[in-house]
Amino acid sequence: MAKKERLVVIGGDAAGMSAASQVRRRRPDMEIIAFERGRHTSYAA
């Protein structure tokens, strides 16, 4: 049984969310987990 790959993003600022977004487009099967210390994460339309 193959293990599902994961991307762990530390920091929900613009750079972290941009990296997660790029990986989501290129590897839609990959699990993405983002950790952010503050109350808000960055996002763009």
C-alpha atoms as a PDB file:
ATOM      1  CA  MET A   1       0.000   0.000   0.000  1.00  0.00           C
ATOM      2  CA  ALA A   2       1.465   3.342  -1.063  1.00  0.00           C
ATOM      3  CA  LYS A   3       1.716   6.104   1.501  1.00  0.00           C
ATOM      4  CA  LYS A   4       0.058   9.414   0.718  1.00  0.00           C
ATOM      5  CA  GLU A   5       2.555  12.247   0.455  1.00  0.00           C
ATOM      6  CA  ARG A   6       2.102  15.329   2.632  1.00  0.00           C
ATOM      7  CA  LEU A   7       3.306  18.899   2.485  1.00  0.00           C
ATOM      8  CA  VAL A   8       3.538  20.689   5.825  1.00  0.00           C
ATOM      9  CA  VAL A   9       3.596  24.483   5.582  1.00  0.00           C
ATOM     10  CA  ILE A  10       4.842  26.357   8.639  1.00  0.00           C
ATOM     11  CA  GLY A  11       3.439  29.880   8.549  1.00  0.00           C
ATOM     12  CA  GLY A  12       0.237  31.014   6.925  1.00  0.00           C
ATOM     13  CA  ASP A  13       1.650  34.193   5.412  1.00  0.00           C
ATOM     14  CA  ALA A  14       1.594  34.964   1.699  1.00  0.00           C
ATOM     15  CA  ALA A  15       4.686  32.878   0.878  1.00  0.00           C
ATOM     16  CA  GLY A  16       3.445  29.793   2.701  1.00  0.00           C
ATOM     17  CA  MET A  17       0.003  29.913   1.139  1.00  0.00           C
ATOM     18  CA  SER A  18       1.511  30.584  -2.293  1.00  0.00           C
ATOM     19  CA  ALA A  19       3.658  27.460  -1.957  1.00  0.00           C
ATOM     20  CA  ALA A  20       0.642  25.418  -0.868  1.00  0.00           C
ATOM     21  CA  SER A  21      -1.374  26.756  -3.802  1.00  0.00           C
ATOM     22  CA  GLN A  22       1.323  25.849  -6.330  1.00  0.00           C
ATOM     23  CA  VAL A  23       1.609  22.331  -4.943  1.00  0.00           C
ATOM     24  CA  ARG A  24      -2.195  21.933  -5.024  1.00  0.00           C
ATOM     25  CA  ARG A  25      -2.228  22.829  -8.747  1.00  0.00           C
ATOM     26  CA  ARG A  26       0.668  20.503  -9.616  1.00  0.00           C
ATOM     27  CA  ARG A  27      -0.136  17.618  -7.272  1.00  0.00           C
ATOM     28  CA  PRO A  28      -3.877  17.575  -6.504  1.00  0.00           C
ATOM     29  CA  ASP A  29      -3.538  14.203  -4.736  1.00  0.00           C
ATOM     30  CA  MET A  30      -1.048  15.515  -2.133  1.00  0.00           C
ATOM     31  CA  GLU A  31      -2.290  16.289   1.392  1.00  0.00           C
ATOM     32  CA  ILE A  32      -1.429  19.843   2.475  1.00  0.00           C
ATOM     33  CA  ILE A  33      -1.322  20.871   6.132  1.00  0.00           C
ATOM     34  CA  ALA A  34      -0.686  24.511   7.121  1.00  0.00           C
ATOM     35  CA  PHE A  35       0.193  25.740  10.598  1.00  0.00           C
ATOM     36  CA  GLU A  36      -0.257  29.388  11.559  1.00  0.00           C
ATOM     37  CA  ARG A  37       0.381  30.833  15.000  1.00  0.00           C
ATOM     38  CA  GLY A  38      -1.862  33.872  14.585  1.00  0.00           C
ATOM     39  CA  ARG A  39      -5.603  34.134  14.143  1.00  0.00           C
ATOM     40  CA  HIS A  40      -5.568  34.718  10.360  1.00  0.00           C
ATOM     41  CA  THR A  41      -3.995  33.143   7.311  1.00  0.00           C
ATOM     42  CA  SER A  42      -3.195  34.956   4.101  1.00  0.00           C
ATOM     43  CA  TYR A  43      -5.347  34.380   1.041  1.00  0.00           C
ATOM     44  CA  ALA A  44      -5.872  35.934  -2.353  1.00  0.00           C
ATOM     45  CA  ALA A  45      -8.796  35.824  -4.732  1.00  0.00           C
END
